[in-house]
Amino acid sequence: MITIVDYKMNNLRSLENTFRRLGYPACVTSDPARVRAAAKLVLPGVGAFGDAMAHLDDLGLSEAVIEKARAGTPLLGVCLGMQLLFDESEEFGRHRGLGLLPGAVIKLPAGVHVPHMGWNQLHMKRSDPLLDGVREESFVYFVHSYFAAPADPALVIAETDYGVDFPAVVGSGAVWATQFHPEKSQHVGERILDNFARP
């Protein structure tokens, strides 16, 4: 079962429906007990980092997600969900994150249109099972104004270029994340979700 964490910051049905279309059972929950029982977790999100962390804390989900990730449960962060995995963000002040990946979330550079919204190419930095079957320079769909700057460059699986090269896919152990929306990225995104969900 793919468990999608609902902390009231996203429309989660498109992710749930994509997994189901690919043949994988999925559920959406705000219940920490169900998160702790999950075989695989997806942490999506759209909106402001600080609000998202407040919702995760208030719902008792922060601790549950951290426990599962540290126990080796596969976890996929998507968009804001990727950013929340890092130590902190500078969005509207300074806010702590889940601290599962070292680094900070910073704003896209001056001179580019914000939010970054549209299709951009992936440039592979290293091989990883999450991107099996995904070609160099494949297009995926982004909507964001901030990006993660990992403290360890080895975390970066793929980059994209939008005024600056920034991580589009990161991973460490059983924790992966995409800055783009795989559920909105057509066959490329479906391949990535299938790679994550596959037993």
N, C-alpha and C. Protein backbone atom coordinates (compact mmCIF):
# COMPACT_ATOMS: atom_id res chain seq x y z
N MET A 1 0.84 -1.20 0.00
CA MET A 1 0.00 0.00 0.00
C MET A 1 0.88 1.25 0.00
N ILE A 2 0.61 2.16 -0.92
CA ILE A 2 1.26 3.47 -0.95
C ILE A 2 0.44 4.40 -0.08
N THR A 3 1.05 4.96 0.95
CA THR A 3 0.35 5.85 1.86
C THR A 3 0.77 7.30 1.57
N ILE A 4 -0.20 8.12 1.19
CA ILE A 4 0.04 9.52 0.84
C ILE A 4 -0.33 10.37 2.04
N VAL A 5 0.63 11.13 2.54
CA VAL A 5 0.44 11.90 3.78
C VAL A 5 -0.35 13.17 3.48
N ASP A 6 -1.50 13.31 4.13
CA ASP A 6 -2.37 14.47 3.95
C ASP A 6 -2.22 15.40 5.14
N TYR A 7 -1.51 16.52 4.94
CA TYR A 7 -1.37 17.50 6.01
C TYR A 7 -2.04 18.83 5.61
N LYS A 8 -3.08 18.69 4.78
CA LYS A 8 -3.99 19.79 4.43
C LYS A 8 -3.31 20.89 3.62
N MET A 9 -2.33 20.50 2.77
CA MET A 9 -1.63 21.48 1.95
C MET A 9 -1.61 21.09 0.48
N ASN A 10 -2.54 20.25 0.04
CA ASN A 10 -2.47 19.80 -1.34
C ASN A 10 -3.77 19.14 -1.75
N ASN A 11 -4.01 19.12 -3.05
CA ASN A 11 -5.02 18.24 -3.63
C ASN A 11 -4.30 16.93 -3.96
N LEU A 12 -4.61 15.89 -3.21
CA LEU A 12 -3.82 14.67 -3.27
C LEU A 12 -4.40 13.63 -4.22
N ARG A 13 -5.57 13.88 -4.74
CA ARG A 13 -6.26 12.83 -5.50
C ARG A 13 -5.55 12.49 -6.81
N SER A 14 -4.87 13.47 -7.43
CA SER A 14 -4.19 13.17 -8.68
C SER A 14 -3.05 12.18 -8.45
N LEU A 15 -2.34 12.31 -7.34
CA LEU A 15 -1.29 11.34 -7.00
C LEU A 15 -1.91 9.98 -6.72
N GLU A 16 -2.94 9.96 -5.90
CA GLU A 16 -3.61 8.70 -5.57
C GLU A 16 -4.12 8.02 -6.84
N ASN A 17 -4.75 8.80 -7.71
CA ASN A 17 -5.31 8.23 -8.94
C ASN A 17 -4.22 7.71 -9.87
N THR A 18 -3.07 8.40 -9.92
CA THR A 18 -1.98 7.93 -10.77
C THR A 18 -1.45 6.59 -10.29
N PHE A 19 -1.24 6.46 -8.97
CA PHE A 19 -0.79 5.17 -8.45
C PHE A 19 -1.81 4.07 -8.76
N ARG A 20 -3.08 4.37 -8.58
CA ARG A 20 -4.11 3.36 -8.84
C ARG A 20 -4.13 2.97 -10.32
N ARG A 21 -3.97 3.96 -11.20
CA ARG A 21 -3.94 3.68 -12.63
C ARG A 21 -2.74 2.79 -13.00
N LEU A 22 -1.65 2.94 -12.26
CA LEU A 22 -0.47 2.13 -12.50
C LEU A 22 -0.58 0.74 -11.87
N GLY A 23 -1.67 0.52 -11.12
CA GLY A 23 -1.91 -0.79 -10.55
C GLY A 23 -1.48 -0.97 -9.12
N TYR A 24 -1.23 0.14 -8.39
CA TYR A 24 -0.78 0.06 -7.01
C TYR A 24 -1.85 0.61 -6.07
N PRO A 25 -2.25 -0.13 -5.05
CA PRO A 25 -3.20 0.40 -4.08
C PRO A 25 -2.60 1.59 -3.35
N ALA A 26 -3.41 2.61 -3.14
CA ALA A 26 -2.94 3.83 -2.47
C ALA A 26 -4.03 4.37 -1.58
N CYS A 27 -3.62 5.02 -0.50
CA CYS A 27 -4.58 5.67 0.39
C CYS A 27 -4.04 7.03 0.80
N VAL A 28 -4.94 7.93 1.13
CA VAL A 28 -4.61 9.26 1.62
C VAL A 28 -5.01 9.33 3.08
N THR A 29 -4.10 9.78 3.95
CA THR A 29 -4.42 9.79 5.38
C THR A 29 -3.75 10.94 6.11
N SER A 30 -4.40 11.39 7.17
CA SER A 30 -3.82 12.34 8.13
C SER A 30 -3.59 11.67 9.48
N ASP A 31 -3.75 10.37 9.53
CA ASP A 31 -3.68 9.60 10.78
C ASP A 31 -2.24 9.13 11.01
N PRO A 32 -1.56 9.62 12.07
CA PRO A 32 -0.18 9.19 12.32
C PRO A 32 -0.04 7.67 12.47
N ALA A 33 -1.07 7.01 13.00
CA ALA A 33 -0.99 5.55 13.16
C ALA A 33 -0.94 4.86 11.81
N ARG A 34 -1.70 5.36 10.86
CA ARG A 34 -1.67 4.76 9.51
C ARG A 34 -0.35 5.07 8.81
N VAL A 35 0.20 6.24 9.07
CA VAL A 35 1.53 6.57 8.53
C VAL A 35 2.56 5.60 9.09
N ARG A 36 2.49 5.33 10.40
CA ARG A 36 3.46 4.43 11.02
C ARG A 36 3.31 2.99 10.53
N ALA A 37 2.14 2.66 9.99
CA ALA A 37 1.90 1.30 9.49
C ALA A 37 2.19 1.17 7.99
N ALA A 38 2.60 2.25 7.35
CA ALA A 38 2.74 2.27 5.89
C ALA A 38 3.92 1.43 5.42
N ALA A 39 3.74 0.82 4.25
CA ALA A 39 4.84 0.11 3.59
C ALA A 39 5.71 1.08 2.79
N LYS A 40 5.06 2.09 2.18
CA LYS A 40 5.77 3.15 1.46
C LYS A 40 5.01 4.45 1.68
N LEU A 41 5.74 5.56 1.77
CA LEU A 41 5.15 6.86 2.05
C LEU A 41 5.43 7.85 0.94
N VAL A 42 4.44 8.70 0.65
CA VAL A 42 4.62 9.84 -0.24
C VAL A 42 4.25 11.09 0.53
N LEU A 43 5.15 12.08 0.52
CA LEU A 43 4.91 13.36 1.17
C LEU A 43 4.82 14.43 0.09
N PRO A 44 3.61 14.78 -0.34
CA PRO A 44 3.45 15.81 -1.37
C PRO A 44 3.30 17.19 -0.73
N GLY A 45 2.86 18.17 -1.52
CA GLY A 45 2.60 19.47 -0.93
C GLY A 45 2.70 20.62 -1.90
N VAL A 46 1.86 21.61 -1.66
CA VAL A 46 1.88 22.87 -2.40
C VAL A 46 1.61 23.98 -1.38
N GLY A 47 2.39 25.06 -1.43
CA GLY A 47 2.15 26.16 -0.50
C GLY A 47 3.42 26.58 0.20
N ALA A 48 3.27 27.22 1.36
CA ALA A 48 4.39 27.80 2.09
C ALA A 48 4.99 26.79 3.07
N PHE A 49 6.31 26.77 3.15
CA PHE A 49 7.06 25.83 3.97
C PHE A 49 6.64 25.92 5.44
N GLY A 50 6.62 27.13 6.00
CA GLY A 50 6.31 27.29 7.41
C GLY A 50 4.92 26.79 7.76
N ASP A 51 3.93 27.09 6.92
CA ASP A 51 2.58 26.61 7.15
C ASP A 51 2.53 25.08 7.10
N ALA A 52 3.27 24.51 6.14
CA ALA A 52 3.28 23.06 5.99
C ALA A 52 3.85 22.39 7.23
N MET A 53 4.96 22.90 7.76
CA MET A 53 5.54 22.31 8.97
C MET A 53 4.60 22.45 10.16
N ALA A 54 3.91 23.58 10.24
CA ALA A 54 2.95 23.77 11.34
C ALA A 54 1.83 22.74 11.26
N HIS A 55 1.33 22.49 10.06
CA HIS A 55 0.27 21.48 9.88
C HIS A 55 0.79 20.08 10.24
N LEU A 56 1.99 19.75 9.76
CA LEU A 56 2.56 18.44 10.08
C LEU A 56 2.72 18.25 11.58
N ASP A 57 3.18 19.29 12.27
CA ASP A 57 3.36 19.21 13.72
C ASP A 57 2.02 19.10 14.43
N ASP A 58 1.07 19.94 14.05
CA ASP A 58 -0.23 19.97 14.72
C ASP A 58 -0.98 18.65 14.57
N LEU A 59 -0.79 18.00 13.42
CA LEU A 59 -1.48 16.73 13.17
C LEU A 59 -0.71 15.52 13.70
N GLY A 60 0.45 15.75 14.28
CA GLY A 60 1.26 14.65 14.80
C GLY A 60 1.95 13.84 13.73
N LEU A 61 2.10 14.43 12.55
CA LEU A 61 2.65 13.70 11.42
C LEU A 61 4.16 13.84 11.28
N SER A 62 4.73 14.93 11.76
CA SER A 62 6.18 15.13 11.62
C SER A 62 6.95 13.97 12.23
N GLU A 63 6.64 13.66 13.47
CA GLU A 63 7.35 12.60 14.18
C GLU A 63 7.15 11.25 13.49
N ALA A 64 5.92 11.00 13.02
CA ALA A 64 5.63 9.72 12.36
C ALA A 64 6.44 9.57 11.08
N VAL A 65 6.51 10.62 10.27
CA VAL A 65 7.26 10.57 9.01
C VAL A 65 8.75 10.38 9.30
N ILE A 66 9.28 11.11 10.26
CA ILE A 66 10.70 11.00 10.61
C ILE A 66 11.02 9.58 11.09
N GLU A 67 10.18 9.04 11.96
CA GLU A 67 10.40 7.68 12.47
C GLU A 67 10.44 6.67 11.33
N LYS A 68 9.48 6.76 10.42
CA LYS A 68 9.40 5.80 9.32
C LYS A 68 10.62 5.92 8.40
N ALA A 69 11.00 7.14 8.07
CA ALA A 69 12.15 7.33 7.18
C ALA A 69 13.42 6.79 7.83
N ARG A 70 13.61 7.06 9.10
CA ARG A 70 14.82 6.60 9.79
C ARG A 70 14.83 5.09 9.98
N ALA A 71 13.64 4.48 9.93
CA ALA A 71 13.55 3.02 10.03
C ALA A 71 13.75 2.34 8.68
N GLY A 72 13.90 3.14 7.61
CA GLY A 72 14.16 2.58 6.29
C GLY A 72 12.95 2.39 5.41
N THR A 73 11.80 2.90 5.82
CA THR A 73 10.61 2.83 4.97
C THR A 73 10.81 3.74 3.76
N PRO A 74 10.59 3.23 2.54
CA PRO A 74 10.74 4.10 1.35
C PRO A 74 9.83 5.32 1.43
N LEU A 75 10.40 6.48 1.16
CA LEU A 75 9.70 7.76 1.25
C LEU A 75 10.00 8.58 0.01
N LEU A 76 8.95 9.12 -0.60
CA LEU A 76 9.09 10.01 -1.76
C LEU A 76 8.48 11.36 -1.43
N GLY A 77 9.30 12.42 -1.43
CA GLY A 77 8.80 13.78 -1.29
C GLY A 77 8.55 14.39 -2.66
N VAL A 78 7.47 15.16 -2.79
CA VAL A 78 7.11 15.76 -4.07
C VAL A 78 6.89 17.26 -3.88
N CYS A 79 7.60 18.07 -4.65
CA CYS A 79 7.49 19.53 -4.67
C CYS A 79 7.76 20.09 -3.26
N LEU A 80 6.77 20.71 -2.62
CA LEU A 80 6.99 21.19 -1.26
C LEU A 80 7.39 20.04 -0.35
N GLY A 81 6.86 18.85 -0.61
CA GLY A 81 7.24 17.68 0.17
C GLY A 81 8.72 17.38 0.09
N MET A 82 9.34 17.65 -1.04
CA MET A 82 10.80 17.52 -1.16
C MET A 82 11.49 18.53 -0.24
N GLN A 83 11.07 19.76 -0.29
CA GLN A 83 11.71 20.81 0.49
C GLN A 83 11.62 20.55 1.99
N LEU A 84 10.49 20.00 2.44
CA LEU A 84 10.28 19.73 3.86
C LEU A 84 11.26 18.69 4.41
N LEU A 85 11.84 17.88 3.56
CA LEU A 85 12.78 16.86 4.02
C LEU A 85 14.10 17.46 4.49
N PHE A 86 14.37 18.71 4.11
CA PHE A 86 15.65 19.34 4.44
C PHE A 86 15.61 20.01 5.81
N ASP A 87 16.76 20.54 6.23
CA ASP A 87 16.90 21.07 7.59
C ASP A 87 16.08 22.33 7.83
N GLU A 88 16.05 23.24 6.83
CA GLU A 88 15.38 24.52 7.06
C GLU A 88 15.07 25.20 5.74
N SER A 89 14.23 26.24 5.83
CA SER A 89 13.87 27.05 4.67
C SER A 89 13.91 28.52 5.03
N GLU A 90 14.24 29.34 4.04
CA GLU A 90 14.25 30.79 4.22
C GLU A 90 12.96 31.43 3.71
N GLU A 91 11.95 30.63 3.37
CA GLU A 91 10.72 31.17 2.81
C GLU A 91 9.90 31.89 3.88
N PHE A 92 9.71 33.21 3.72
CA PHE A 92 8.97 34.04 4.69
C PHE A 92 9.52 33.90 6.10
N GLY A 93 10.83 34.05 6.23
CA GLY A 93 11.49 33.88 7.52
C GLY A 93 12.32 32.61 7.52
N ARG A 94 12.69 32.15 8.69
CA ARG A 94 13.49 30.91 8.79
C ARG A 94 12.66 29.87 9.53
N HIS A 95 12.51 28.73 8.90
CA HIS A 95 11.68 27.66 9.46
C HIS A 95 12.45 26.35 9.42
N ARG A 96 12.34 25.58 10.49
CA ARG A 96 12.98 24.26 10.52
C ARG A 96 12.18 23.27 9.68
N GLY A 97 12.88 22.31 9.08
CA GLY A 97 12.24 21.25 8.33
C GLY A 97 12.30 19.93 9.08
N LEU A 98 12.08 18.85 8.38
CA LEU A 98 12.09 17.53 9.01
C LEU A 98 13.50 17.03 9.29
N GLY A 99 14.49 17.59 8.61
CA GLY A 99 15.88 17.25 8.90
C GLY A 99 16.29 15.86 8.46
N LEU A 100 15.62 15.30 7.49
CA LEU A 100 15.98 13.99 6.98
C LEU A 100 17.10 14.06 5.94
N LEU A 101 17.26 15.21 5.31
CA LEU A 101 18.33 15.44 4.36
C LEU A 101 19.04 16.73 4.76
N PRO A 102 20.37 16.78 4.71
CA PRO A 102 21.09 17.99 5.12
C PRO A 102 21.05 19.07 4.03
N GLY A 103 20.74 20.28 4.44
CA GLY A 103 20.72 21.39 3.50
C GLY A 103 19.58 22.35 3.80
N ALA A 104 19.48 23.39 2.98
CA ALA A 104 18.49 24.44 3.19
C ALA A 104 17.72 24.69 1.91
N VAL A 105 16.55 25.31 2.07
CA VAL A 105 15.69 25.66 0.93
C VAL A 105 15.80 27.16 0.73
N ILE A 106 16.14 27.57 -0.50
CA ILE A 106 16.39 28.98 -0.79
C ILE A 106 15.58 29.42 -2.01
N LYS A 107 15.49 30.74 -2.20
CA LYS A 107 14.66 31.29 -3.27
C LYS A 107 15.38 31.21 -4.62
N LEU A 108 14.58 31.04 -5.67
CA LEU A 108 15.12 31.11 -7.02
C LEU A 108 15.78 32.48 -7.24
N PRO A 109 16.78 32.57 -8.09
CA PRO A 109 17.54 33.81 -8.22
C PRO A 109 16.74 34.94 -8.85
N ALA A 110 17.18 36.15 -8.58
CA ALA A 110 16.59 37.32 -9.23
C ALA A 110 16.81 37.22 -10.73
N GLY A 111 15.85 37.75 -11.49
CA GLY A 111 16.00 37.76 -12.93
C GLY A 111 15.23 36.67 -13.63
N VAL A 112 14.65 35.74 -12.87
CA VAL A 112 13.79 34.72 -13.48
C VAL A 112 12.37 34.93 -13.00
N HIS A 113 11.41 34.52 -13.82
CA HIS A 113 10.01 34.66 -13.42
C HIS A 113 9.71 33.67 -12.30
N VAL A 114 9.09 34.18 -11.24
CA VAL A 114 8.72 33.37 -10.09
C VAL A 114 7.20 33.47 -9.91
N PRO A 115 6.50 32.35 -9.75
CA PRO A 115 7.04 31.00 -9.64
C PRO A 115 7.52 30.43 -10.97
N HIS A 116 8.45 29.52 -10.86
CA HIS A 116 8.86 28.70 -11.99
C HIS A 116 7.70 27.75 -12.27
N MET A 117 7.08 27.90 -13.42
CA MET A 117 5.90 27.10 -13.75
C MET A 117 6.00 26.64 -15.18
N GLY A 118 6.17 25.33 -15.38
CA GLY A 118 6.25 24.81 -16.73
C GLY A 118 7.18 23.62 -16.85
N TRP A 119 7.47 23.27 -18.10
CA TRP A 119 8.24 22.08 -18.41
C TRP A 119 9.72 22.40 -18.55
N ASN A 120 10.56 21.63 -17.86
CA ASN A 120 12.00 21.77 -17.97
C ASN A 120 12.65 20.39 -18.02
N GLN A 121 13.88 20.36 -18.51
CA GLN A 121 14.56 19.09 -18.73
C GLN A 121 15.33 18.61 -17.50
N LEU A 122 15.43 17.29 -17.40
CA LEU A 122 16.25 16.67 -16.37
C LEU A 122 17.66 16.42 -16.93
N HIS A 123 18.66 16.72 -16.12
CA HIS A 123 20.05 16.43 -16.46
C HIS A 123 20.61 15.52 -15.37
N MET A 124 20.93 14.30 -15.75
CA MET A 124 21.31 13.28 -14.78
C MET A 124 22.69 13.56 -14.19
N LYS A 125 22.80 13.41 -12.89
CA LYS A 125 24.08 13.55 -12.20
C LYS A 125 24.64 12.19 -11.79
N ARG A 126 23.76 11.23 -11.55
CA ARG A 126 24.19 9.87 -11.21
C ARG A 126 23.01 8.93 -11.45
N SER A 127 23.31 7.66 -11.56
CA SER A 127 22.24 6.68 -11.76
C SER A 127 21.54 6.40 -10.43
N ASP A 128 20.26 6.05 -10.52
CA ASP A 128 19.49 5.71 -9.34
C ASP A 128 18.26 4.93 -9.79
N PRO A 129 17.82 3.92 -9.03
CA PRO A 129 16.65 3.14 -9.42
C PRO A 129 15.39 3.97 -9.63
N LEU A 130 15.27 5.12 -8.95
CA LEU A 130 14.08 5.95 -9.11
C LEU A 130 13.93 6.43 -10.55
N LEU A 131 15.06 6.60 -11.25
CA LEU A 131 15.02 7.12 -12.62
C LEU A 131 15.31 6.04 -13.67
N ASP A 132 15.18 4.79 -13.30
CA ASP A 132 15.33 3.72 -14.29
C ASP A 132 14.37 3.95 -15.45
N GLY A 133 14.89 3.92 -16.67
CA GLY A 133 14.05 4.09 -17.85
C GLY A 133 13.74 5.52 -18.21
N VAL A 134 14.26 6.49 -17.45
CA VAL A 134 14.04 7.91 -17.74
C VAL A 134 15.26 8.43 -18.49
N ARG A 135 15.03 9.01 -19.64
CA ARG A 135 16.14 9.46 -20.49
C ARG A 135 16.68 10.82 -20.06
N GLU A 136 17.96 11.01 -20.32
CA GLU A 136 18.58 12.33 -20.18
C GLU A 136 17.80 13.35 -20.99
N GLU A 137 17.57 14.53 -20.39
CA GLU A 137 16.85 15.65 -21.00
C GLU A 137 15.34 15.39 -21.16
N SER A 138 14.82 14.43 -20.42
CA SER A 138 13.36 14.27 -20.38
C SER A 138 12.73 15.51 -19.75
N PHE A 139 11.54 15.86 -20.20
CA PHE A 139 10.83 17.02 -19.68
C PHE A 139 9.88 16.60 -18.55
N VAL A 140 9.87 17.43 -17.48
CA VAL A 140 8.95 17.23 -16.35
C VAL A 140 8.37 18.58 -15.96
N TYR A 141 7.29 18.56 -15.17
CA TYR A 141 6.52 19.77 -14.91
C TYR A 141 6.78 20.32 -13.51
N PHE A 142 7.19 21.59 -13.46
CA PHE A 142 7.53 22.28 -12.20
C PHE A 142 6.52 23.38 -11.88
N VAL A 143 6.28 23.57 -10.57
CA VAL A 143 5.59 24.76 -10.05
C VAL A 143 6.21 25.06 -8.69
N HIS A 144 7.08 26.07 -8.61
CA HIS A 144 7.72 26.38 -7.32
C HIS A 144 8.44 27.72 -7.42
N SER A 145 8.74 28.28 -6.23
CA SER A 145 9.48 29.53 -6.13
C SER A 145 10.80 29.37 -5.37
N TYR A 146 10.93 28.26 -4.65
CA TYR A 146 12.13 27.97 -3.86
C TYR A 146 12.67 26.61 -4.27
N PHE A 147 13.93 26.36 -3.92
CA PHE A 147 14.52 25.07 -4.26
C PHE A 147 15.47 24.63 -3.16
N ALA A 148 15.74 23.35 -3.11
CA ALA A 148 16.62 22.79 -2.09
C ALA A 148 18.08 22.91 -2.52
N ALA A 149 18.91 23.31 -1.58
CA ALA A 149 20.36 23.37 -1.78
C ALA A 149 21.00 22.38 -0.81
N PRO A 150 21.22 21.13 -1.24
CA PRO A 150 21.76 20.12 -0.32
C PRO A 150 23.16 20.47 0.17
N ALA A 151 23.43 20.12 1.43
CA ALA A 151 24.77 20.32 1.98
C ALA A 151 25.76 19.34 1.37
N ASP A 152 25.25 18.20 0.89
CA ASP A 152 26.09 17.18 0.28
C ASP A 152 25.71 17.03 -1.19
N PRO A 153 26.59 17.42 -2.12
CA PRO A 153 26.27 17.31 -3.55
C PRO A 153 25.95 15.88 -4.00
N ALA A 154 26.41 14.89 -3.24
CA ALA A 154 26.15 13.50 -3.60
C ALA A 154 24.68 13.14 -3.50
N LEU A 155 23.88 13.97 -2.83
CA LEU A 155 22.44 13.72 -2.74
C LEU A 155 21.74 13.94 -4.08
N VAL A 156 22.34 14.72 -4.97
CA VAL A 156 21.66 15.13 -6.20
C VAL A 156 21.72 14.00 -7.23
N ILE A 157 20.53 13.57 -7.66
CA ILE A 157 20.41 12.53 -8.69
C ILE A 157 20.25 13.17 -10.07
N ALA A 158 19.47 14.27 -10.13
CA ALA A 158 19.28 14.99 -11.40
C ALA A 158 19.06 16.46 -11.11
N GLU A 159 19.45 17.30 -12.05
CA GLU A 159 19.27 18.75 -11.95
C GLU A 159 18.39 19.25 -13.08
N THR A 160 17.94 20.49 -12.93
CA THR A 160 17.36 21.23 -14.04
C THR A 160 17.93 22.64 -14.01
N ASP A 161 17.72 23.38 -15.08
CA ASP A 161 18.29 24.72 -15.21
C ASP A 161 17.17 25.73 -15.39
N TYR A 162 17.07 26.67 -14.43
CA TYR A 162 16.11 27.76 -14.55
C TYR A 162 16.75 28.99 -13.90
N GLY A 163 17.65 29.61 -14.64
CA GLY A 163 18.42 30.73 -14.09
C GLY A 163 19.59 30.27 -13.25
N VAL A 164 19.49 29.07 -12.72
CA VAL A 164 20.53 28.43 -11.94
C VAL A 164 20.30 26.93 -12.04
N ASP A 165 21.37 26.15 -11.95
CA ASP A 165 21.20 24.70 -11.86
C ASP A 165 20.76 24.36 -10.44
N PHE A 166 19.67 23.64 -10.32
CA PHE A 166 19.20 23.25 -8.98
C PHE A 166 18.73 21.80 -9.00
N PRO A 167 18.69 21.15 -7.84
CA PRO A 167 18.31 19.74 -7.79
C PRO A 167 16.84 19.54 -8.18
N ALA A 168 16.63 18.66 -9.13
CA ALA A 168 15.27 18.25 -9.51
C ALA A 168 14.89 16.94 -8.85
N VAL A 169 15.90 16.09 -8.61
CA VAL A 169 15.70 14.81 -7.93
C VAL A 169 16.86 14.61 -6.96
N VAL A 170 16.53 14.25 -5.72
CA VAL A 170 17.55 13.95 -4.72
C VAL A 170 17.24 12.59 -4.10
N GLY A 171 18.23 12.01 -3.46
CA GLY A 171 18.00 10.74 -2.80
C GLY A 171 19.13 10.35 -1.88
N SER A 172 18.75 9.64 -0.81
CA SER A 172 19.71 9.09 0.13
C SER A 172 19.08 7.88 0.79
N GLY A 173 19.67 6.71 0.59
CA GLY A 173 19.08 5.50 1.14
C GLY A 173 17.69 5.26 0.56
N ALA A 174 16.70 5.12 1.42
CA ALA A 174 15.32 4.89 0.99
C ALA A 174 14.50 6.17 0.93
N VAL A 175 15.17 7.32 0.99
CA VAL A 175 14.48 8.62 0.89
C VAL A 175 14.81 9.25 -0.47
N TRP A 176 13.76 9.55 -1.23
CA TRP A 176 13.89 10.23 -2.51
C TRP A 176 12.96 11.43 -2.54
N ALA A 177 13.24 12.36 -3.47
CA ALA A 177 12.33 13.49 -3.62
C ALA A 177 12.50 14.13 -5.00
N THR A 178 11.40 14.69 -5.49
CA THR A 178 11.41 15.41 -6.76
C THR A 178 10.87 16.82 -6.54
N GLN A 179 11.55 17.82 -7.12
CA GLN A 179 11.03 19.18 -7.05
C GLN A 179 9.84 19.35 -7.98
N PHE A 180 9.80 18.60 -9.05
CA PHE A 180 8.69 18.66 -10.00
C PHE A 180 7.54 17.75 -9.54
N HIS A 181 6.45 17.83 -10.28
CA HIS A 181 5.27 17.01 -9.99
C HIS A 181 5.25 15.81 -10.94
N PRO A 182 5.62 14.62 -10.49
CA PRO A 182 5.57 13.46 -11.39
C PRO A 182 4.16 13.14 -11.85
N GLU A 183 3.17 13.40 -10.99
CA GLU A 183 1.78 13.09 -11.36
C GLU A 183 1.25 14.01 -12.47
N LYS A 184 1.99 15.10 -12.76
CA LYS A 184 1.62 16.01 -13.83
C LYS A 184 2.61 15.95 -15.00
N SER A 185 3.53 14.99 -14.94
CA SER A 185 4.62 14.93 -15.92
C SER A 185 4.46 13.80 -16.92
N GLN A 186 3.23 13.41 -17.17
CA GLN A 186 2.87 12.45 -18.22
C GLN A 186 3.67 11.15 -18.07
N HIS A 187 4.12 10.56 -19.17
CA HIS A 187 4.71 9.21 -19.10
C HIS A 187 6.01 9.19 -18.31
N VAL A 188 6.77 10.30 -18.33
CA VAL A 188 8.02 10.34 -17.56
C VAL A 188 7.71 10.26 -16.06
N GLY A 189 6.76 11.06 -15.62
CA GLY A 189 6.36 11.04 -14.22
C GLY A 189 5.77 9.71 -13.81
N GLU A 190 4.98 9.11 -14.70
CA GLU A 190 4.42 7.80 -14.39
C GLU A 190 5.51 6.76 -14.22
N ARG A 191 6.55 6.83 -15.04
CA ARG A 191 7.66 5.88 -14.91
C ARG A 191 8.34 6.05 -13.55
N ILE A 192 8.53 7.28 -13.12
CA ILE A 192 9.17 7.54 -11.84
C ILE A 192 8.31 7.00 -10.69
N LEU A 193 7.01 7.26 -10.72
CA LEU A 193 6.13 6.76 -9.68
C LEU A 193 6.07 5.23 -9.69
N ASP A 194 6.11 4.65 -10.87
CA ASP A 194 6.12 3.19 -10.97
C ASP A 194 7.42 2.63 -10.38
N ASN A 195 8.54 3.29 -10.67
CA ASN A 195 9.81 2.84 -10.09
C ASN A 195 9.78 2.88 -8.57
N PHE A 196 9.16 3.93 -8.02
CA PHE A 196 9.07 4.04 -6.56
C PHE A 196 8.15 2.98 -5.97
N ALA A 197 7.02 2.75 -6.62
CA ALA A 197 5.99 1.89 -6.05
C ALA A 197 6.28 0.41 -6.23
N ARG A 198 7.08 0.07 -7.22
CA ARG A 198 7.33 -1.33 -7.55
C ARG A 198 7.93 -2.08 -6.35
N PRO A 199 7.41 -3.29 -6.06
CA PRO A 199 7.94 -4.07 -4.92
C PRO A 199 9.42 -4.41 -5.10
